[in-house]
Amino acid sequence: MPKDPKTSRTKRLRRTQVERSATTRRKLIEAATGIIAGDGYAAATTTTIAKRAGVSRGALQHQFGTRYALLAAVSDRLTEDMLAVDRSLGARGGSLDARIDAVVRHYWRVYTGPAFLAVLGIRFGATSDARLSARLRRHNIGIDRRSDRPWLELFADSGLSREKLATLKRATLASLRGLAVAQFLGMLKGTPRRELRLIETMLVRALSPRAD
């Protein structure tokens, strides 16, 4: 049965509209991320963000509705970066050392990137807004819990319980975040290779399967 040309055109049009909407959202998130990371939370007004993204304020409101929704989307970008850790691995069946090296490198890139700086800027910039701070805190707790999944899957062969693996993940990420902040504050010169290697060594010891 031949396809209805009108139906095909309608589907193409809808697909194009969805693609344009996704492009607009991406531009706004990238603009907000760049402004907050580079110029600070206070500089990230809806007008400034829309101008940086090359869209109208109406487009921003259409995509996100509220400024909070856009800020939450910036946090979501960090979540996506965190959850993409398994894509940093060629295969999950690699050696433990190779997996740990890839994981540490991935998270280090995330924590020294603009998305993390932007989330820090949002968190500290919103301290005077109790309602927004509370919502962002709940949002970030959700991010932490969601980031458990890839970690648990990558190191499921360690023999450790899910609780112990999650605790190890939190300790590792806290260490990497601390190093990233120290680097941002100028307390470290260049990439802290020795510290990163120490983290990897501790992970190897903690995750190596033990014979009963």
N, C-alpha and C. Protein backbone atom coordinates (compact mmCIF):
# COMPACT_ATOMS: atom_id res chain seq x y z
N MET A 1 0.85 -1.20 0.00
CA MET A 1 0.00 0.00 0.00
C MET A 1 0.88 1.24 0.00
N PRO A 2 0.70 2.19 -0.94
CA PRO A 2 1.55 3.37 -1.01
C PRO A 2 1.37 4.27 0.20
N LYS A 3 2.46 4.92 0.57
CA LYS A 3 2.41 5.82 1.72
C LYS A 3 1.69 7.11 1.35
N ASP A 4 0.97 7.64 2.31
CA ASP A 4 0.28 8.92 2.10
C ASP A 4 1.32 10.02 2.19
N PRO A 5 1.53 10.80 1.12
CA PRO A 5 2.55 11.86 1.16
C PRO A 5 2.28 12.91 2.22
N LYS A 6 1.01 13.16 2.53
CA LYS A 6 0.68 14.15 3.56
C LYS A 6 1.13 13.66 4.93
N THR A 7 0.92 12.36 5.18
CA THR A 7 1.34 11.78 6.47
C THR A 7 2.86 11.83 6.61
N SER A 8 3.56 11.53 5.52
CA SER A 8 5.03 11.56 5.54
C SER A 8 5.53 12.97 5.81
N ARG A 9 4.91 13.95 5.16
CA ARG A 9 5.34 15.35 5.38
C ARG A 9 5.07 15.77 6.82
N THR A 10 3.93 15.34 7.36
CA THR A 10 3.59 15.68 8.75
C THR A 10 4.59 15.10 9.72
N LYS A 11 4.97 13.83 9.47
CA LYS A 11 5.95 13.19 10.34
C LYS A 11 7.31 13.88 10.27
N ARG A 12 7.71 14.26 9.04
CA ARG A 12 8.99 14.96 8.88
C ARG A 12 8.95 16.30 9.57
N LEU A 13 7.81 16.99 9.47
CA LEU A 13 7.67 18.29 10.10
C LEU A 13 7.77 18.17 11.62
N ARG A 14 7.07 17.17 12.17
CA ARG A 14 7.11 16.96 13.61
C ARG A 14 8.52 16.62 14.08
N ARG A 15 9.20 15.76 13.31
CA ARG A 15 10.56 15.39 13.65
C ARG A 15 11.47 16.61 13.62
N THR A 16 11.28 17.47 12.62
CA THR A 16 12.08 18.69 12.52
C THR A 16 11.81 19.61 13.70
N GLN A 17 10.56 19.72 14.11
CA GLN A 17 10.21 20.57 15.25
C GLN A 17 10.84 20.04 16.53
N VAL A 18 10.81 18.73 16.69
CA VAL A 18 11.43 18.11 17.87
C VAL A 18 12.93 18.36 17.87
N GLU A 19 13.56 18.22 16.71
CA GLU A 19 15.00 18.45 16.60
C GLU A 19 15.34 19.91 16.90
N ARG A 20 14.54 20.84 16.38
CA ARG A 20 14.78 22.25 16.65
C ARG A 20 14.62 22.57 18.13
N SER A 21 13.60 21.98 18.74
CA SER A 21 13.37 22.20 20.16
C SER A 21 14.55 21.67 20.97
N ALA A 22 15.04 20.48 20.61
CA ALA A 22 16.19 19.89 21.33
C ALA A 22 17.43 20.75 21.15
N THR A 23 17.61 21.31 19.95
CA THR A 23 18.76 22.17 19.69
C THR A 23 18.69 23.44 20.53
N THR A 24 17.48 24.01 20.62
CA THR A 24 17.28 25.23 21.42
C THR A 24 17.57 24.95 22.89
N ARG A 25 17.07 23.83 23.41
CA ARG A 25 17.32 23.46 24.80
C ARG A 25 18.82 23.29 25.05
N ARG A 26 19.48 22.60 24.13
CA ARG A 26 20.92 22.38 24.29
C ARG A 26 21.67 23.71 24.32
N LYS A 27 21.32 24.63 23.42
CA LYS A 27 21.98 25.93 23.38
C LYS A 27 21.77 26.70 24.68
N LEU A 28 20.56 26.64 25.21
CA LEU A 28 20.26 27.37 26.45
C LEU A 28 21.01 26.76 27.63
N ILE A 29 21.06 25.44 27.70
CA ILE A 29 21.79 24.78 28.79
C ILE A 29 23.27 25.10 28.70
N GLU A 30 23.83 25.03 27.50
CA GLU A 30 25.25 25.34 27.31
C GLU A 30 25.54 26.79 27.65
N ALA A 31 24.63 27.69 27.26
CA ALA A 31 24.82 29.11 27.56
C ALA A 31 24.79 29.36 29.06
N ALA A 32 23.80 28.78 29.74
CA ALA A 32 23.70 28.95 31.20
C ALA A 32 24.92 28.36 31.89
N THR A 33 25.34 27.20 31.45
CA THR A 33 26.52 26.55 32.03
C THR A 33 27.75 27.42 31.87
N GLY A 34 27.97 27.93 30.67
CA GLY A 34 29.15 28.75 30.40
C GLY A 34 29.15 30.04 31.19
N ILE A 35 27.99 30.68 31.29
CA ILE A 35 27.90 31.95 32.02
C ILE A 35 28.16 31.75 33.50
N ILE A 36 27.52 30.75 34.09
CA ILE A 36 27.69 30.51 35.53
C ILE A 36 29.12 30.09 35.85
N ALA A 37 29.67 29.19 35.02
CA ALA A 37 31.04 28.71 35.25
C ALA A 37 32.07 29.83 35.06
N GLY A 38 31.82 30.72 34.10
CA GLY A 38 32.80 31.75 33.79
C GLY A 38 32.61 33.07 34.50
N ASP A 39 31.33 33.47 34.68
CA ASP A 39 31.04 34.80 35.23
C ASP A 39 30.31 34.78 36.56
N GLY A 40 29.86 33.62 36.98
CA GLY A 40 29.18 33.54 38.27
C GLY A 40 27.67 33.45 38.16
N TYR A 41 27.07 33.00 39.24
CA TYR A 41 25.63 32.78 39.31
C TYR A 41 24.83 34.05 39.04
N ALA A 42 25.26 35.16 39.62
CA ALA A 42 24.51 36.40 39.50
C ALA A 42 24.42 36.88 38.05
N ALA A 43 25.40 36.53 37.25
CA ALA A 43 25.42 36.99 35.85
C ALA A 43 24.45 36.21 34.97
N ALA A 44 23.96 35.09 35.47
CA ALA A 44 23.12 34.21 34.65
C ALA A 44 21.65 34.61 34.72
N THR A 45 21.33 35.78 34.20
CA THR A 45 19.94 36.20 34.10
C THR A 45 19.33 35.57 32.85
N THR A 46 18.01 35.53 32.82
CA THR A 46 17.35 34.94 31.65
C THR A 46 17.69 35.72 30.38
N THR A 47 17.82 37.03 30.52
CA THR A 47 18.16 37.85 29.35
C THR A 47 19.55 37.52 28.84
N THR A 48 20.52 37.42 29.76
CA THR A 48 21.90 37.11 29.38
C THR A 48 22.02 35.72 28.78
N ILE A 49 21.33 34.77 29.39
CA ILE A 49 21.38 33.40 28.90
C ILE A 49 20.79 33.31 27.49
N ALA A 50 19.64 33.92 27.31
CA ALA A 50 18.99 33.88 25.99
C ALA A 50 19.88 34.54 24.93
N LYS A 51 20.49 35.66 25.28
CA LYS A 51 21.37 36.36 24.34
C LYS A 51 22.57 35.50 23.98
N ARG A 52 23.20 34.86 24.98
CA ARG A 52 24.35 34.00 24.72
C ARG A 52 23.96 32.81 23.83
N ALA A 53 22.75 32.30 24.05
CA ALA A 53 22.28 31.15 23.28
C ALA A 53 21.82 31.54 21.88
N GLY A 54 21.60 32.83 21.68
CA GLY A 54 21.14 33.28 20.37
C GLY A 54 19.67 33.03 20.13
N VAL A 55 18.89 33.03 21.23
CA VAL A 55 17.44 32.83 21.11
C VAL A 55 16.73 33.94 21.89
N SER A 56 15.42 34.00 21.75
CA SER A 56 14.64 35.02 22.46
C SER A 56 14.32 34.56 23.88
N ARG A 57 13.96 35.51 24.73
CA ARG A 57 13.54 35.14 26.09
C ARG A 57 12.27 34.31 26.03
N GLY A 58 11.44 34.59 25.02
CA GLY A 58 10.22 33.81 24.86
C GLY A 58 10.54 32.34 24.59
N ALA A 59 11.60 32.10 23.81
CA ALA A 59 12.01 30.72 23.53
C ALA A 59 12.50 30.05 24.81
N LEU A 60 13.21 30.81 25.64
CA LEU A 60 13.69 30.26 26.92
C LEU A 60 12.50 29.88 27.79
N GLN A 61 11.51 30.78 27.88
CA GLN A 61 10.34 30.50 28.71
C GLN A 61 9.53 29.34 28.15
N HIS A 62 9.49 29.23 26.84
CA HIS A 62 8.75 28.13 26.21
C HIS A 62 9.42 26.79 26.53
N GLN A 63 10.75 26.77 26.52
CA GLN A 63 11.47 25.53 26.75
C GLN A 63 11.49 25.11 28.21
N PHE A 64 11.63 26.09 29.12
CA PHE A 64 11.85 25.75 30.52
C PHE A 64 10.78 26.30 31.47
N GLY A 65 10.06 27.31 31.08
CA GLY A 65 9.02 27.86 31.94
C GLY A 65 9.55 28.75 33.04
N THR A 66 10.45 28.23 33.86
CA THR A 66 11.00 29.00 34.97
C THR A 66 12.52 28.95 34.95
N ARG A 67 13.14 29.89 35.64
CA ARG A 67 14.59 29.92 35.74
C ARG A 67 15.08 28.69 36.49
N TYR A 68 14.31 28.27 37.51
CA TYR A 68 14.72 27.09 38.26
C TYR A 68 14.81 25.87 37.35
N ALA A 69 13.83 25.72 36.46
CA ALA A 69 13.83 24.57 35.56
C ALA A 69 15.09 24.55 34.70
N LEU A 70 15.54 25.73 34.28
CA LEU A 70 16.77 25.80 33.49
C LEU A 70 17.97 25.45 34.36
N LEU A 71 18.00 25.94 35.60
CA LEU A 71 19.10 25.62 36.49
C LEU A 71 19.13 24.11 36.79
N ALA A 72 17.95 23.52 36.93
CA ALA A 72 17.88 22.08 37.15
C ALA A 72 18.41 21.34 35.94
N ALA A 73 18.16 21.88 34.74
CA ALA A 73 18.66 21.25 33.51
C ALA A 73 20.19 21.31 33.46
N VAL A 74 20.77 22.38 33.99
CA VAL A 74 22.24 22.46 34.07
C VAL A 74 22.76 21.36 34.98
N SER A 75 22.07 21.14 36.10
CA SER A 75 22.44 20.04 37.00
C SER A 75 22.26 18.70 36.31
N ASP A 76 21.20 18.60 35.51
CA ASP A 76 20.97 17.35 34.78
C ASP A 76 22.10 17.07 33.79
N ARG A 77 22.67 18.13 33.23
CA ARG A 77 23.79 17.93 32.31
C ARG A 77 24.96 17.28 33.04
N LEU A 78 25.19 17.72 34.27
CA LEU A 78 26.25 17.09 35.07
C LEU A 78 25.92 15.63 35.34
N THR A 79 24.64 15.36 35.61
CA THR A 79 24.21 13.98 35.82
C THR A 79 24.50 13.13 34.60
N GLU A 80 24.17 13.65 33.42
CA GLU A 80 24.41 12.92 32.18
C GLU A 80 25.90 12.63 31.99
N ASP A 81 26.72 13.63 32.31
CA ASP A 81 28.17 13.43 32.20
C ASP A 81 28.63 12.34 33.17
N MET A 82 28.08 12.34 34.38
CA MET A 82 28.46 11.34 35.37
C MET A 82 28.04 9.95 34.92
N LEU A 83 26.82 9.84 34.40
CA LEU A 83 26.29 8.54 34.02
C LEU A 83 26.94 7.98 32.76
N ALA A 84 27.64 8.83 32.04
CA ALA A 84 28.30 8.38 30.80
C ALA A 84 29.62 7.69 31.07
N VAL A 85 29.90 7.36 32.31
CA VAL A 85 31.18 6.76 32.67
C VAL A 85 31.42 5.46 31.93
N ASP A 86 30.36 4.66 31.71
CA ASP A 86 30.58 3.38 31.04
C ASP A 86 30.99 3.55 29.59
N ARG A 87 30.69 4.73 28.99
CA ARG A 87 31.11 4.97 27.62
C ARG A 87 32.60 5.28 27.53
N SER A 88 33.23 5.55 28.67
CA SER A 88 34.66 5.79 28.70
C SER A 88 35.45 4.48 28.66
N LEU A 89 34.72 3.38 28.77
CA LEU A 89 35.36 2.07 28.76
C LEU A 89 35.13 1.40 27.42
N GLY A 90 36.18 0.82 26.87
CA GLY A 90 36.01 0.11 25.61
C GLY A 90 35.09 -1.08 25.78
N ALA A 91 35.22 -1.76 26.91
CA ALA A 91 34.36 -2.90 27.21
C ALA A 91 34.35 -3.10 28.72
N ARG A 92 33.20 -3.49 29.23
CA ARG A 92 33.10 -3.66 30.67
C ARG A 92 33.86 -4.89 31.15
N GLY A 93 34.26 -5.75 30.23
CA GLY A 93 34.97 -6.95 30.63
C GLY A 93 36.47 -6.75 30.74
N GLY A 94 36.94 -5.50 30.67
CA GLY A 94 38.37 -5.23 30.77
C GLY A 94 38.91 -5.54 32.16
N SER A 95 40.23 -5.47 32.30
CA SER A 95 40.85 -5.75 33.59
C SER A 95 40.41 -4.72 34.62
N LEU A 96 40.55 -5.09 35.89
CA LEU A 96 40.17 -4.19 36.98
C LEU A 96 40.98 -2.91 36.91
N ASP A 97 42.28 -3.02 36.69
CA ASP A 97 43.14 -1.84 36.61
C ASP A 97 42.68 -0.90 35.50
N ALA A 98 42.35 -1.48 34.34
CA ALA A 98 41.93 -0.67 33.19
C ALA A 98 40.60 0.03 33.47
N ARG A 99 39.68 -0.69 34.11
CA ARG A 99 38.38 -0.09 34.44
C ARG A 99 38.55 1.06 35.42
N ILE A 100 39.36 0.83 36.45
CA ILE A 100 39.56 1.88 37.46
C ILE A 100 40.23 3.09 36.83
N ASP A 101 41.24 2.88 35.99
CA ASP A 101 41.91 3.99 35.33
C ASP A 101 40.93 4.80 34.49
N ALA A 102 40.06 4.10 33.73
CA ALA A 102 39.09 4.78 32.88
C ALA A 102 38.07 5.55 33.71
N VAL A 103 37.63 4.94 34.81
CA VAL A 103 36.63 5.57 35.68
C VAL A 103 37.19 6.85 36.32
N VAL A 104 38.39 6.76 36.87
CA VAL A 104 39.00 7.93 37.52
C VAL A 104 39.24 9.04 36.50
N ARG A 105 39.73 8.68 35.34
CA ARG A 105 39.94 9.69 34.29
C ARG A 105 38.63 10.35 33.88
N HIS A 106 37.58 9.54 33.75
CA HIS A 106 36.29 10.09 33.35
C HIS A 106 35.77 11.09 34.38
N TYR A 107 35.73 10.68 35.64
CA TYR A 107 35.21 11.57 36.67
C TYR A 107 36.08 12.81 36.84
N TRP A 108 37.38 12.67 36.64
CA TRP A 108 38.26 13.83 36.73
C TRP A 108 37.92 14.84 35.64
N ARG A 109 37.66 14.35 34.42
CA ARG A 109 37.25 15.25 33.34
C ARG A 109 35.94 15.95 33.68
N VAL A 110 35.02 15.22 34.27
CA VAL A 110 33.73 15.81 34.63
C VAL A 110 33.92 16.91 35.67
N TYR A 111 34.70 16.61 36.71
CA TYR A 111 34.85 17.57 37.81
C TYR A 111 35.74 18.76 37.48
N THR A 112 36.49 18.68 36.41
CA THR A 112 37.28 19.84 35.99
C THR A 112 36.64 20.52 34.78
N GLY A 113 35.42 20.13 34.45
CA GLY A 113 34.70 20.71 33.33
C GLY A 113 33.74 21.81 33.76
N PRO A 114 33.15 22.51 32.81
CA PRO A 114 32.27 23.65 33.11
C PRO A 114 30.99 23.26 33.84
N ALA A 115 30.45 22.06 33.57
CA ALA A 115 29.18 21.67 34.20
C ALA A 115 29.31 21.61 35.72
N PHE A 116 30.42 21.06 36.21
CA PHE A 116 30.61 20.97 37.66
C PHE A 116 30.78 22.35 38.27
N LEU A 117 31.57 23.20 37.62
CA LEU A 117 31.74 24.56 38.12
C LEU A 117 30.41 25.31 38.14
N ALA A 118 29.59 25.06 37.13
CA ALA A 118 28.30 25.72 37.08
C ALA A 118 27.39 25.26 38.21
N VAL A 119 27.39 23.96 38.49
CA VAL A 119 26.58 23.44 39.58
C VAL A 119 27.05 23.99 40.92
N LEU A 120 28.36 24.10 41.10
CA LEU A 120 28.88 24.73 42.32
C LEU A 120 28.41 26.17 42.41
N GLY A 121 28.49 26.88 41.29
CA GLY A 121 28.05 28.28 41.26
C GLY A 121 26.59 28.43 41.61
N ILE A 122 25.77 27.53 41.10
CA ILE A 122 24.33 27.57 41.40
C ILE A 122 24.11 27.30 42.88
N ARG A 123 24.79 26.29 43.39
CA ARG A 123 24.57 25.90 44.79
C ARG A 123 24.95 27.01 45.75
N PHE A 124 26.10 27.65 45.54
CA PHE A 124 26.53 28.71 46.43
C PHE A 124 25.81 30.02 46.14
N GLY A 125 25.44 30.24 44.89
CA GLY A 125 24.74 31.47 44.54
C GLY A 125 23.32 31.52 45.05
N ALA A 126 22.74 30.34 45.29
CA ALA A 126 21.35 30.29 45.71
C ALA A 126 21.18 30.19 47.23
N THR A 127 22.24 30.42 47.98
CA THR A 127 22.16 30.25 49.43
C THR A 127 21.16 31.20 50.09
N SER A 128 20.94 32.35 49.49
CA SER A 128 20.00 33.32 50.08
C SER A 128 18.56 32.98 49.74
N ASP A 129 18.35 32.04 48.85
CA ASP A 129 17.00 31.62 48.46
C ASP A 129 16.74 30.25 49.07
N ALA A 130 16.09 30.23 50.23
CA ALA A 130 15.90 28.97 50.96
C ALA A 130 15.10 27.96 50.15
N ARG A 131 14.08 28.43 49.45
CA ARG A 131 13.23 27.51 48.68
C ARG A 131 14.02 26.89 47.53
N LEU A 132 14.76 27.72 46.81
CA LEU A 132 15.55 27.22 45.69
C LEU A 132 16.66 26.31 46.18
N SER A 133 17.30 26.69 47.29
CA SER A 133 18.38 25.87 47.84
C SER A 133 17.88 24.48 48.21
N ALA A 134 16.69 24.43 48.82
CA ALA A 134 16.12 23.14 49.23
C ALA A 134 15.82 22.28 48.01
N ARG A 135 15.28 22.89 46.96
CA ARG A 135 14.95 22.14 45.75
C ARG A 135 16.22 21.63 45.07
N LEU A 136 17.24 22.46 45.03
CA LEU A 136 18.49 22.05 44.41
C LEU A 136 19.17 20.95 45.22
N ARG A 137 19.05 21.03 46.54
CA ARG A 137 19.65 20.00 47.40
C ARG A 137 18.98 18.65 47.13
N ARG A 138 17.66 18.65 47.03
CA ARG A 138 16.95 17.41 46.73
C ARG A 138 17.33 16.90 45.34
N HIS A 139 17.48 17.83 44.43
CA HIS A 139 17.86 17.46 43.06
C HIS A 139 19.24 16.80 43.05
N ASN A 140 20.19 17.37 43.78
CA ASN A 140 21.56 16.85 43.79
C ASN A 140 21.65 15.51 44.52
N ILE A 141 20.80 15.31 45.52
CA ILE A 141 20.75 14.01 46.19
C ILE A 141 20.30 12.95 45.20
N GLY A 142 19.33 13.32 44.37
CA GLY A 142 18.87 12.40 43.33
C GLY A 142 19.97 12.05 42.35
N ILE A 143 20.79 13.05 41.99
CA ILE A 143 21.91 12.82 41.09
C ILE A 143 22.87 11.80 41.70
N ASP A 144 23.17 11.97 42.98
CA ASP A 144 24.11 11.07 43.64
C ASP A 144 23.60 9.63 43.62
N ARG A 145 22.32 9.46 43.86
CA ARG A 145 21.76 8.12 43.89
C ARG A 145 21.76 7.50 42.49
N ARG A 146 21.44 8.30 41.49
CA ARG A 146 21.42 7.77 40.11
C ARG A 146 22.81 7.36 39.64
N SER A 147 23.83 8.04 40.15
CA SER A 147 25.19 7.72 39.70
C SER A 147 25.71 6.43 40.32
N ASP A 148 24.94 5.83 41.23
CA ASP A 148 25.33 4.53 41.80
C ASP A 148 25.28 3.44 40.74
N ARG A 149 24.29 3.50 39.86
CA ARG A 149 24.03 2.39 38.94
C ARG A 149 25.24 1.99 38.10
N PRO A 150 25.85 2.92 37.33
CA PRO A 150 26.98 2.48 36.51
C PRO A 150 28.14 1.96 37.34
N TRP A 151 28.36 2.53 38.50
CA TRP A 151 29.45 2.09 39.37
C TRP A 151 29.21 0.65 39.83
N LEU A 152 27.97 0.37 40.25
CA LEU A 152 27.63 -0.97 40.72
C LEU A 152 27.78 -1.99 39.60
N GLU A 153 27.42 -1.59 38.39
CA GLU A 153 27.53 -2.51 37.26
C GLU A 153 28.98 -2.75 36.85
N LEU A 154 29.78 -1.69 36.87
CA LEU A 154 31.17 -1.82 36.44
C LEU A 154 32.00 -2.68 37.38
N PHE A 155 31.64 -2.67 38.67
CA PHE A 155 32.45 -3.40 39.65
C PHE A 155 31.65 -4.49 40.37
N ALA A 156 30.67 -5.04 39.65
CA ALA A 156 29.83 -6.08 40.23
C ALA A 156 30.63 -7.34 40.55
N ASP A 157 31.78 -7.53 39.87
CA ASP A 157 32.58 -8.73 40.08
C ASP A 157 33.54 -8.62 41.27
N SER A 158 33.44 -7.53 42.01
CA SER A 158 34.36 -7.32 43.14
C SER A 158 34.03 -8.21 44.33
N GLY A 159 32.78 -8.66 44.39
CA GLY A 159 32.35 -9.45 45.54
C GLY A 159 31.86 -8.60 46.70
N LEU A 160 31.96 -7.26 46.58
CA LEU A 160 31.48 -6.37 47.63
C LEU A 160 29.97 -6.19 47.53
N SER A 161 29.35 -5.90 48.65
CA SER A 161 27.91 -5.66 48.65
C SER A 161 27.61 -4.34 47.95
N ARG A 162 26.36 -4.17 47.55
CA ARG A 162 25.95 -2.93 46.89
C ARG A 162 26.19 -1.73 47.81
N GLU A 163 25.93 -1.91 49.10
CA GLU A 163 26.12 -0.82 50.06
C GLU A 163 27.59 -0.42 50.14
N LYS A 164 28.49 -1.40 50.19
CA LYS A 164 29.91 -1.10 50.28
C LYS A 164 30.42 -0.46 48.99
N LEU A 165 29.92 -0.94 47.84
CA LEU A 165 30.32 -0.35 46.57
C LEU A 165 29.86 1.10 46.48
N ALA A 166 28.63 1.36 46.91
CA ALA A 166 28.10 2.73 46.87
C ALA A 166 28.90 3.65 47.80
N THR A 167 29.27 3.12 48.97
CA THR A 167 30.08 3.90 49.91
C THR A 167 31.45 4.21 49.31
N LEU A 168 32.05 3.23 48.65
CA LEU A 168 33.35 3.42 48.01
C LEU A 168 33.24 4.46 46.89
N LYS A 169 32.14 4.42 46.16
CA LYS A 169 31.93 5.41 45.09
C LYS A 169 31.86 6.81 45.67
N ARG A 170 31.09 6.98 46.75
CA ARG A 170 30.94 8.32 47.35
C ARG A 170 32.28 8.84 47.86
N ALA A 171 33.08 7.96 48.48
CA ALA A 171 34.39 8.38 49.00
C ALA A 171 35.31 8.77 47.84
N THR A 172 35.27 8.00 46.76
CA THR A 172 36.12 8.30 45.60
C THR A 172 35.73 9.63 44.97
N LEU A 173 34.43 9.82 44.75
CA LEU A 173 33.99 11.05 44.11
C LEU A 173 34.24 12.27 45.00
N ALA A 174 34.11 12.09 46.31
CA ALA A 174 34.40 13.20 47.22
C ALA A 174 35.87 13.60 47.13
N SER A 175 36.75 12.60 47.01
CA SER A 175 38.18 12.89 46.87
C SER A 175 38.47 13.63 45.57
N LEU A 176 37.86 13.19 44.49
CA LEU A 176 38.08 13.82 43.20
C LEU A 176 37.51 15.23 43.16
N ARG A 177 36.34 15.41 43.77
CA ARG A 177 35.77 16.76 43.84
C ARG A 177 36.68 17.69 44.63
N GLY A 178 37.22 17.19 45.74
CA GLY A 178 38.12 18.01 46.54
C GLY A 178 39.35 18.43 45.77
N LEU A 179 39.92 17.52 45.02
CA LEU A 179 41.09 17.84 44.20
C LEU A 179 40.73 18.86 43.13
N ALA A 180 39.55 18.69 42.53
CA ALA A 180 39.13 19.62 41.48
C ALA A 180 38.94 21.03 42.03
N VAL A 181 38.34 21.13 43.20
CA VAL A 181 38.15 22.45 43.82
C VAL A 181 39.51 23.06 44.19
N ALA A 182 40.40 22.23 44.71
CA ALA A 182 41.74 22.72 45.06
C ALA A 182 42.46 23.24 43.82
N GLN A 183 42.32 22.54 42.72
CA GLN A 183 42.93 23.00 41.47
C GLN A 183 42.31 24.31 41.02
N PHE A 184 40.99 24.42 41.11
CA PHE A 184 40.28 25.64 40.73
C PHE A 184 40.73 26.83 41.57
N LEU A 185 40.99 26.58 42.85
CA LEU A 185 41.41 27.65 43.76
C LEU A 185 42.90 27.98 43.62
N GLY A 186 43.60 27.26 42.75
CA GLY A 186 45.01 27.53 42.54
C GLY A 186 45.92 26.90 43.56
N MET A 187 45.39 25.93 44.32
CA MET A 187 46.20 25.28 45.35
C MET A 187 47.06 24.15 44.78
N LEU A 188 46.77 23.75 43.55
CA LEU A 188 47.53 22.71 42.89
C LEU A 188 48.09 23.23 41.58
N LYS A 189 49.28 22.79 41.24
CA LYS A 189 49.88 23.19 39.97
C LYS A 189 49.73 22.05 38.98
N GLY A 190 48.93 22.28 37.96
CA GLY A 190 48.72 21.26 36.96
C GLY A 190 47.85 20.12 37.46
N THR A 191 47.80 19.06 36.70
CA THR A 191 47.00 17.89 37.07
C THR A 191 47.66 17.14 38.22
N PRO A 192 46.93 16.86 39.29
CA PRO A 192 47.51 16.15 40.45
C PRO A 192 47.70 14.66 40.17
N ARG A 193 48.66 14.33 39.37
CA ARG A 193 48.84 12.94 38.92
C ARG A 193 49.13 11.98 40.07
N ARG A 194 49.95 12.41 41.02
CA ARG A 194 50.27 11.52 42.13
C ARG A 194 49.03 11.22 42.96
N GLU A 195 48.23 12.24 43.20
CA GLU A 195 47.01 12.04 43.99
C GLU A 195 46.02 11.15 43.26
N LEU A 196 45.89 11.36 41.95
CA LEU A 196 44.98 10.52 41.17
C LEU A 196 45.45 9.07 41.15
N ARG A 197 46.76 8.90 41.04
CA ARG A 197 47.30 7.55 41.04
C ARG A 197 47.08 6.87 42.38
N LEU A 198 47.20 7.64 43.46
CA LEU A 198 46.96 7.09 44.79
C LEU A 198 45.51 6.63 44.92
N ILE A 199 44.58 7.42 44.41
CA ILE A 199 43.17 7.03 44.44
C ILE A 199 42.97 5.73 43.67
N GLU A 200 43.61 5.62 42.51
CA GLU A 200 43.50 4.39 41.72
C GLU A 200 44.06 3.19 42.48
N THR A 201 45.20 3.37 43.14
CA THR A 201 45.82 2.28 43.89
C THR A 201 44.91 1.82 45.02
N MET A 202 44.30 2.76 45.73
CA MET A 202 43.40 2.40 46.82
C MET A 202 42.17 1.67 46.30
N LEU A 203 41.69 2.09 45.12
CA LEU A 203 40.53 1.41 44.53
C LEU A 203 40.87 -0.01 44.12
N VAL A 204 42.04 -0.22 43.56
CA VAL A 204 42.47 -1.56 43.18
C VAL A 204 42.46 -2.46 44.39
N ARG A 205 43.01 -1.98 45.50
CA ARG A 205 43.07 -2.78 46.72
C ARG A 205 41.66 -3.07 47.27
N ALA A 206 40.80 -2.07 47.20
CA ALA A 206 39.46 -2.23 47.77
C ALA A 206 38.57 -3.11 46.91
N LEU A 207 38.79 -3.10 45.59
CA LEU A 207 37.90 -3.81 44.67
C LEU A 207 38.41 -5.17 44.22
N SER A 208 39.66 -5.48 44.52
CA SER A 208 40.20 -6.77 44.11
C SER A 208 39.48 -7.90 44.82
N PRO A 209 38.94 -8.87 44.06
CA PRO A 209 38.25 -10.01 44.68
C PRO A 209 39.16 -10.74 45.65
N ARG A 210 38.61 -11.13 46.78
CA ARG A 210 39.40 -11.84 47.78
C ARG A 210 38.93 -13.28 47.90
N ALA A 211 39.87 -14.19 47.94
CA ALA A 211 39.51 -15.61 48.09
C ALA A 211 39.10 -15.87 49.54
N ASP A 212 38.09 -16.69 49.70
CA ASP A 212 37.63 -17.01 51.07
C ASP A 212 38.62 -17.94 51.77
